[in-house]
Amino acid sequence: HTPRLASPRTVIPAGSVGIGGAQTGIYPLAS
C-alpha cells in the first residue's frame, strides 16, 4: 500500500500498472 503521487502525471502510457493507496490496477488507455 503506497500513497498516490502528490502531483498527478498529465499523461500515463496505456498499459501502465500502478498502485494507488490500497489498490492496484492497469491503465487501459493513455490518460
PDB file of all heavy atoms in Angstrom:
ATOM      1  N   HIS A   1       0.844  -1.191   0.000  1.00  0.00           N
ATOM      2  CA  HIS A   1       0.000   0.000   0.000  1.00  0.00           C
ATOM      3  C   HIS A   1       0.882   1.244   0.000  1.00  0.00           C
ATOM      4  O   HIS A   1       1.726   1.421   0.877  1.00  0.00           O
ATOM      5  CB  HIS A   1      -0.915   0.015   1.223  1.00  0.00           C
ATOM      6  CG  HIS A   1      -1.942  -1.082   1.203  1.00  0.00           C
ATOM      7  ND1 HIS A   1      -2.938  -1.184   2.162  1.00  0.00           N
ATOM      8  CD2 HIS A   1      -2.132  -2.133   0.357  1.00  0.00           C
ATOM      9  CE1 HIS A   1      -3.682  -2.236   1.902  1.00  0.00           C
ATOM     10  NE2 HIS A   1      -3.218  -2.830   0.802  1.00  0.00           N
ATOM     11  N   THR A   2       0.703   2.099  -0.991  1.00  0.00           N
ATOM     12  CA  THR A   2       1.563   3.262  -1.178  1.00  0.00           C
ATOM     13  C   THR A   2       0.710   4.469  -1.547  1.00  0.00           C
ATOM     14  O   THR A   2      -0.153   4.365  -2.426  1.00  0.00           O
ATOM     15  CB  THR A   2       2.585   3.016  -2.315  1.00  0.00           C
ATOM     16  OG1 THR A   2       3.221   1.745  -2.115  1.00  0.00           O
ATOM     17  CG2 THR A   2       3.645   4.098  -2.341  1.00  0.00           C
ATOM     18  N   PRO A   3       0.945   5.617  -0.922  1.00  0.00           N
ATOM     19  CA  PRO A   3       0.146   6.812  -1.261  1.00  0.00           C
ATOM     20  C   PRO A   3       0.280   7.197  -2.728  1.00  0.00           C
ATOM     21  O   PRO A   3       1.302   6.956  -3.365  1.00  0.00           O
ATOM     22  CB  PRO A   3       0.742   7.899  -0.352  1.00  0.00           C
ATOM     23  CG  PRO A   3       1.404   7.158   0.766  1.00  0.00           C
ATOM     24  CD  PRO A   3       1.915   5.875   0.158  1.00  0.00           C
ATOM     25  N   ARG A   4      -0.766   7.802  -3.246  1.00  0.00           N
ATOM     26  CA  ARG A   4      -0.721   8.323  -4.607  1.00  0.00           C
ATOM     27  C   ARG A   4       0.295   9.457  -4.713  1.00  0.00           C
ATOM     28  O   ARG A   4       0.724  10.014  -3.704  1.00  0.00           O
ATOM     29  CB  ARG A   4      -2.110   8.832  -5.019  1.00  0.00           C
ATOM     30  CG  ARG A   4      -3.139   7.730  -5.176  1.00  0.00           C
ATOM     31  CD  ARG A   4      -4.546   8.311  -5.268  1.00  0.00           C
ATOM     32  NE  ARG A   4      -5.549   7.316  -5.611  1.00  0.00           N
ATOM     33  CZ  ARG A   4      -6.069   6.438  -4.772  1.00  0.00           C
ATOM     34  NH1 ARG A   4      -5.657   6.421  -3.502  1.00  0.00           N
ATOM     35  NH2 ARG A   4      -6.982   5.575  -5.166  1.00  0.00           N
ATOM     36  N   LEU A   5       0.647   9.803  -5.938  1.00  0.00           N
ATOM     37  CA  LEU A   5       1.577  10.899  -6.164  1.00  0.00           C
ATOM     38  C   LEU A   5       0.980  12.214  -5.653  1.00  0.00           C
ATOM     39  O   LEU A   5      -0.224  12.458  -5.781  1.00  0.00           O
ATOM     40  CB  LEU A   5       1.872  11.037  -7.658  1.00  0.00           C
ATOM     41  CG  LEU A   5       2.546   9.854  -8.354  1.00  0.00           C
ATOM     42  CD1 LEU A   5       2.624  10.122  -9.857  1.00  0.00           C
ATOM     43  CD2 LEU A   5       3.934   9.627  -7.781  1.00  0.00           C
ATOM     44  N   ALA A   6       1.830  13.062  -5.098  1.00  0.00           N
ATOM     45  CA  ALA A   6       1.367  14.373  -4.627  1.00  0.00           C
ATOM     46  C   ALA A   6       0.892  15.222  -5.806  1.00  0.00           C
ATOM     47  O   ALA A   6      -0.079  15.975  -5.690  1.00  0.00           O
ATOM     48  CB  ALA A   6       2.491  15.076  -3.876  1.00  0.00           C
ATOM     49  N   SER A   7       1.562  15.081  -6.949  1.00  0.00           N
ATOM     50  CA  SER A   7       1.182  15.797  -8.173  1.00  0.00           C
ATOM     51  C   SER A   7       0.960  14.770  -9.279  1.00  0.00           C
ATOM     52  O   SER A   7       1.929  14.173  -9.775  1.00  0.00           O
ATOM     53  CB  SER A   7       2.269  16.787  -8.598  1.00  0.00           C
ATOM     54  OG  SER A   7       2.456  17.771  -7.603  1.00  0.00           O
ATOM     55  N   PRO A   8      -0.280  14.531  -9.674  1.00  0.00           N
ATOM     56  CA  PRO A   8      -0.552  13.517 -10.704  1.00  0.00           C
ATOM     57  C   PRO A   8       0.147  13.846 -12.022  1.00  0.00           C
ATOM     58  O   PRO A   8       0.371  15.006 -12.363  1.00  0.00           O
ATOM     59  CB  PRO A   8      -2.075  13.584 -10.865  1.00  0.00           C
ATOM     60  CG  PRO A   8      -2.574  14.156  -9.578  1.00  0.00           C
ATOM     61  CD  PRO A   8      -1.513  15.125  -9.144  1.00  0.00           C
ATOM     62  N   ARG A   9       0.501  12.807 -12.762  1.00  0.00           N
ATOM     63  CA  ARG A   9       1.055  12.977 -14.099  1.00  0.00           C
ATOM     64  C   ARG A   9      -0.064  13.378 -15.063  1.00  0.00           C
ATOM     65  O   ARG A   9      -1.202  12.926 -14.927  1.00  0.00           O
ATOM     66  CB  ARG A   9       1.698  11.677 -14.582  1.00  0.00           C
ATOM     67  CG  ARG A   9       2.950  11.269 -13.805  1.00  0.00           C
ATOM     68  CD  ARG A   9       3.506   9.953 -14.372  1.00  0.00           C
ATOM     69  NE  ARG A   9       4.802   9.608 -13.797  1.00  0.00           N
ATOM     70  CZ  ARG A   9       4.970   8.844 -12.717  1.00  0.00           C
ATOM     71  NH1 ARG A   9       3.900   8.328 -12.109  1.00  0.00           N
ATOM     72  NH2 ARG A   9       6.179   8.585 -12.263  1.00  0.00           N
ATOM     73  N   THR A  10       0.289  14.204 -16.049  1.00  0.00           N
ATOM     74  CA  THR A  10      -0.717  14.614 -17.028  1.00  0.00           C
ATOM     75  C   THR A  10      -0.958  13.524 -18.068  1.00  0.00           C
ATOM     76  O   THR A  10      -2.046  13.444 -18.645  1.00  0.00           O
ATOM     77  CB  THR A  10      -0.294  15.906 -17.745  1.00  0.00           C
ATOM     78  OG1 THR A  10       0.997  15.713 -18.337  1.00  0.00           O
ATOM     79  CG2 THR A  10      -0.216  17.067 -16.753  1.00  0.00           C
ATOM     80  N   VAL A  11       0.046  12.677 -18.309  1.00  0.00           N
ATOM     81  CA  VAL A  11      -0.114  11.581 -19.269  1.00  0.00           C
ATOM     82  C   VAL A  11       0.577  10.330 -18.732  1.00  0.00           C
ATOM     83  O   VAL A  11       1.760  10.376 -18.382  1.00  0.00           O
ATOM     84  CB  VAL A  11       0.472  11.915 -20.656  1.00  0.00           C
ATOM     85  CG1 VAL A  11       0.298  10.712 -21.586  1.00  0.00           C
ATOM     86  CG2 VAL A  11      -0.208  13.126 -21.257  1.00  0.00           C
ATOM     87  N   ILE A  12      -0.173   9.248 -18.666  1.00  0.00           N
ATOM     88  CA  ILE A  12       0.368   7.939 -18.288  1.00  0.00           C
ATOM     89  C   ILE A  12       0.198   7.021 -19.488  1.00  0.00           C
ATOM     90  O   ILE A  12      -0.891   6.948 -20.070  1.00  0.00           O
ATOM     91  CB  ILE A  12      -0.371   7.379 -17.057  1.00  0.00           C
ATOM     92  CG1 ILE A  12       0.025   8.159 -15.803  1.00  0.00           C
ATOM     93  CG2 ILE A  12      -0.090   5.899 -16.878  1.00  0.00           C
ATOM     94  CD1 ILE A  12      -0.705   7.732 -14.560  1.00  0.00           C
ATOM     95  N   PRO A  13       1.244   6.295 -19.888  1.00  0.00           N
ATOM     96  CA  PRO A  13       1.136   5.426 -21.072  1.00  0.00           C
ATOM     97  C   PRO A  13       0.103   4.319 -20.882  1.00  0.00           C
ATOM     98  O   PRO A  13      -0.070   3.787 -19.781  1.00  0.00           O
ATOM     99  CB  PRO A  13       2.545   4.836 -21.211  1.00  0.00           C
ATOM    100  CG  PRO A  13       3.439   5.783 -20.481  1.00  0.00           C
ATOM    101  CD  PRO A  13       2.617   6.320 -19.348  1.00  0.00           C
ATOM    102  N   ALA A  14      -0.576   3.991 -21.957  1.00  0.00           N
ATOM    103  CA  ALA A  14      -1.521   2.866 -21.923  1.00  0.00           C
ATOM    104  C   ALA A  14      -0.789   1.595 -21.517  1.00  0.00           C
ATOM    105  O   ALA A  14       0.345   1.367 -21.923  1.00  0.00           O
ATOM    106  CB  ALA A  14      -2.164   2.689 -23.288  1.00  0.00           C
ATOM    107  N   GLY A  15      -1.436   0.775 -20.700  1.00  0.00           N
ATOM    108  CA  GLY A  15      -0.844  -0.471 -20.243  1.00  0.00           C
ATOM    109  C   GLY A  15      -0.075  -0.342 -18.942  1.00  0.00           C
ATOM    110  O   GLY A  15       0.384  -1.361 -18.401  1.00  0.00           O
ATOM    111  N   SER A  16       0.066   0.880 -18.427  1.00  0.00           N
ATOM    112  CA  SER A  16       0.809   1.063 -17.176  1.00  0.00           C
ATOM    113  C   SER A  16       0.095   0.379 -16.022  1.00  0.00           C
ATOM    114  O   SER A  16      -1.127   0.441 -15.895  1.00  0.00           O
ATOM    115  CB  SER A  16       0.979   2.554 -16.872  1.00  0.00           C
ATOM    116  OG  SER A  16       1.811   3.175 -17.825  1.00  0.00           O
ATOM    117  N   VAL A  17       0.884  -0.284 -15.176  1.00  0.00           N
ATOM    118  CA  VAL A  17       0.367  -0.950 -13.982  1.00  0.00           C
ATOM    119  C   VAL A  17       0.792  -0.125 -12.782  1.00  0.00           C
ATOM    120  O   VAL A  17       1.975   0.212 -12.641  1.00  0.00           O
ATOM    121  CB  VAL A  17       0.920  -2.387 -13.864  1.00  0.00           C
ATOM    122  CG1 VAL A  17       0.450  -3.028 -12.567  1.00  0.00           C
ATOM    123  CG2 VAL A  17       0.473  -3.214 -15.068  1.00  0.00           C
ATOM    124  N   GLY A  18      -0.158   0.241 -11.947  1.00  0.00           N
ATOM    125  CA  GLY A  18       0.165   1.139 -10.850  1.00  0.00           C
ATOM    126  C   GLY A  18      -0.435   0.716  -9.528  1.00  0.00           C
ATOM    127  O   GLY A  18      -1.261  -0.201  -9.452  1.00  0.00           O
ATOM    128  N   ILE A  19      -0.002   1.417  -8.490  1.00  0.00           N
ATOM    129  CA  ILE A  19      -0.535   1.245  -7.140  1.00  0.00           C
ATOM    130  C   ILE A  19      -0.992   2.608  -6.649  1.00  0.00           C
ATOM    131  O   ILE A  19      -0.252   3.595  -6.735  1.00  0.00           O
ATOM    132  CB  ILE A  19       0.526   0.669  -6.186  1.00  0.00           C
ATOM    133  CG1 ILE A  19       0.822  -0.792  -6.529  1.00  0.00           C
ATOM    134  CG2 ILE A  19       0.074   0.787  -4.728  1.00  0.00           C
ATOM    135  CD1 ILE A  19       1.940  -1.407  -5.703  1.00  0.00           C
ATOM    136  N   GLY A  20      -2.207   2.656  -6.143  1.00  0.00           N
ATOM    137  CA  GLY A  20      -2.746   3.887  -5.589  1.00  0.00           C
ATOM    138  C   GLY A  20      -3.388   3.589  -4.252  1.00  0.00           C
ATOM    139  O   GLY A  20      -4.478   3.021  -4.193  1.00  0.00           O
ATOM    140  N   GLY A  21      -2.689   3.906  -3.164  1.00  0.00           N
ATOM    141  CA  GLY A  21      -3.217   3.574  -1.848  1.00  0.00           C
ATOM    142  C   GLY A  21      -3.254   2.074  -1.655  1.00  0.00           C
ATOM    143  O   GLY A  21      -2.232   1.394  -1.750  1.00  0.00           O
ATOM    144  N   ALA A  22      -4.455   1.542  -1.410  1.00  0.00           N
ATOM    145  CA  ALA A  22      -4.614   0.107  -1.150  1.00  0.00           C
ATOM    146  C   ALA A  22      -5.011  -0.675  -2.394  1.00  0.00           C
ATOM    147  O   ALA A  22      -5.379  -1.845  -2.294  1.00  0.00           O
ATOM    148  CB  ALA A  22      -5.668  -0.094  -0.061  1.00  0.00           C
ATOM    149  N   GLN A  23      -4.938  -0.034  -3.561  1.00  0.00           N
ATOM    150  CA  GLN A  23      -5.390  -0.704  -4.773  1.00  0.00           C
ATOM    151  C   GLN A  23      -4.293  -0.755  -5.826  1.00  0.00           C
ATOM    152  O   GLN A  23      -3.350   0.038  -5.811  1.00  0.00           O
ATOM    153  CB  GLN A  23      -6.601   0.022  -5.349  1.00  0.00           C
ATOM    154  CG  GLN A  23      -7.841  -0.085  -4.464  1.00  0.00           C
ATOM    155  CD  GLN A  23      -9.031   0.589  -5.110  1.00  0.00           C
ATOM    156  OE1 GLN A  23      -8.958   1.732  -5.519  1.00  0.00           O
ATOM    157  NE2 GLN A  23     -10.127  -0.136  -5.207  1.00  0.00           N
ATOM    158  N   THR A  24      -4.439  -1.695  -6.727  1.00  0.00           N
ATOM    159  CA  THR A  24      -3.577  -1.781  -7.897  1.00  0.00           C
ATOM    160  C   THR A  24      -4.464  -1.914  -9.119  1.00  0.00           C
ATOM    161  O   THR A  24      -5.626  -2.326  -9.016  1.00  0.00           O
ATOM    162  CB  THR A  24      -2.599  -2.970  -7.803  1.00  0.00           C
ATOM    163  OG1 THR A  24      -1.678  -2.921  -8.892  1.00  0.00           O
ATOM    164  CG2 THR A  24      -3.330  -4.300  -7.827  1.00  0.00           C
ATOM    165  N   GLY A  25      -3.929  -1.553 -10.290  1.00  0.00           N
ATOM    166  CA  GLY A  25      -4.739  -1.622 -11.489  1.00  0.00           C
ATOM    167  C   GLY A  25      -3.915  -1.323 -12.725  1.00  0.00           C
ATOM    168  O   GLY A  25      -2.719  -1.028 -12.647  1.00  0.00           O
ATOM    169  N   ILE A  26      -4.571  -1.423 -13.885  1.00  0.00           N
ATOM    170  CA  ILE A  26      -3.939  -1.218 -15.187  1.00  0.00           C
ATOM    171  C   ILE A  26      -4.620  -0.049 -15.883  1.00  0.00           C
ATOM    172  O   ILE A  26      -5.857  -0.018 -15.972  1.00  0.00           O
ATOM    173  CB  ILE A  26      -4.088  -2.463 -16.083  1.00  0.00           C
ATOM    174  CG1 ILE A  26      -3.686  -3.735 -15.335  1.00  0.00           C
ATOM    175  CG2 ILE A  26      -3.270  -2.311 -17.359  1.00  0.00           C
ATOM    176  CD1 ILE A  26      -4.193  -5.000 -15.997  1.00  0.00           C
ATOM    177  N   TYR A  27      -3.845   0.888 -16.381  1.00  0.00           N
ATOM    178  CA  TYR A  27      -4.389   1.963 -17.198  1.00  0.00           C
ATOM    179  C   TYR A  27      -4.578   1.434 -18.625  1.00  0.00           C
ATOM    180  O   TYR A  27      -3.611   1.204 -19.335  1.00  0.00           O
ATOM    181  CB  TYR A  27      -3.439   3.161 -17.218  1.00  0.00           C
ATOM    182  CG  TYR A  27      -3.431   3.973 -15.949  1.00  0.00           C
ATOM    183  CD1 TYR A  27      -2.611   3.623 -14.876  1.00  0.00           C
ATOM    184  CD2 TYR A  27      -4.236   5.105 -15.815  1.00  0.00           C
ATOM    185  CE1 TYR A  27      -2.597   4.369 -13.707  1.00  0.00           C
ATOM    186  CE2 TYR A  27      -4.221   5.862 -14.646  1.00  0.00           C
ATOM    187  CZ  TYR A  27      -3.401   5.491 -13.604  1.00  0.00           C
ATOM    188  OH  TYR A  27      -3.385   6.238 -12.441  1.00  0.00           O
ATOM    189  N   PRO A  28      -5.817   1.241 -19.079  1.00  0.00           N
ATOM    190  CA  PRO A  28      -6.035   0.655 -20.406  1.00  0.00           C
ATOM    191  C   PRO A  28      -5.799   1.637 -21.551  1.00  0.00           C
ATOM    192  O   PRO A  28      -5.610   1.224 -22.694  1.00  0.00           O
ATOM    193  CB  PRO A  28      -7.497   0.220 -20.356  1.00  0.00           C
ATOM    194  CG  PRO A  28      -8.121   1.173 -19.385  1.00  0.00           C
ATOM    195  CD  PRO A  28      -7.076   1.465 -18.356  1.00  0.00           C
ATOM    196  N   LEU A  29      -5.842   2.923 -21.238  1.00  0.00           N
ATOM    197  CA  LEU A  29      -5.628   3.973 -22.235  1.00  0.00           C
ATOM    198  C   LEU A  29      -4.675   5.011 -21.660  1.00  0.00           C
ATOM    199  O   LEU A  29      -4.544   5.146 -20.433  1.00  0.00           O
ATOM    200  CB  LEU A  29      -6.955   4.659 -22.593  1.00  0.00           C
ATOM    201  CG  LEU A  29      -8.055   3.791 -23.209  1.00  0.00           C
ATOM    202  CD1 LEU A  29      -9.356   4.582 -23.273  1.00  0.00           C
ATOM    203  CD2 LEU A  29      -7.657   3.335 -24.606  1.00  0.00           C
ATOM    204  N   ALA A  30      -4.012   5.755 -22.538  1.00  0.00           N
ATOM    205  CA  ALA A  30      -3.189   6.868 -22.071  1.00  0.00           C
ATOM    206  C   ALA A  30      -4.099   7.903 -21.420  1.00  0.00           C
ATOM    207  O   ALA A  30      -5.142   8.260 -21.976  1.00  0.00           O
ATOM    208  CB  ALA A  30      -2.431   7.485 -23.240  1.00  0.00           C
ATOM    209  N   SER A  31      -3.728   8.362 -20.237  1.00  0.00           N
ATOM    210  CA  SER A  31      -4.585   9.297 -19.514  1.00  0.00           C
ATOM    211  C   SER A  31      -3.791   9.949 -18.390  1.00  0.00           C
ATOM    212  O   SER A  31      -2.707   9.484 -18.025  1.00  0.00           O
ATOM    213  CB  SER A  31      -5.786   8.560 -18.908  1.00  0.00           C
ATOM    214  OG  SER A  31      -5.390   7.772 -17.798  1.00  0.00           O
TER     215      SER A  31
END
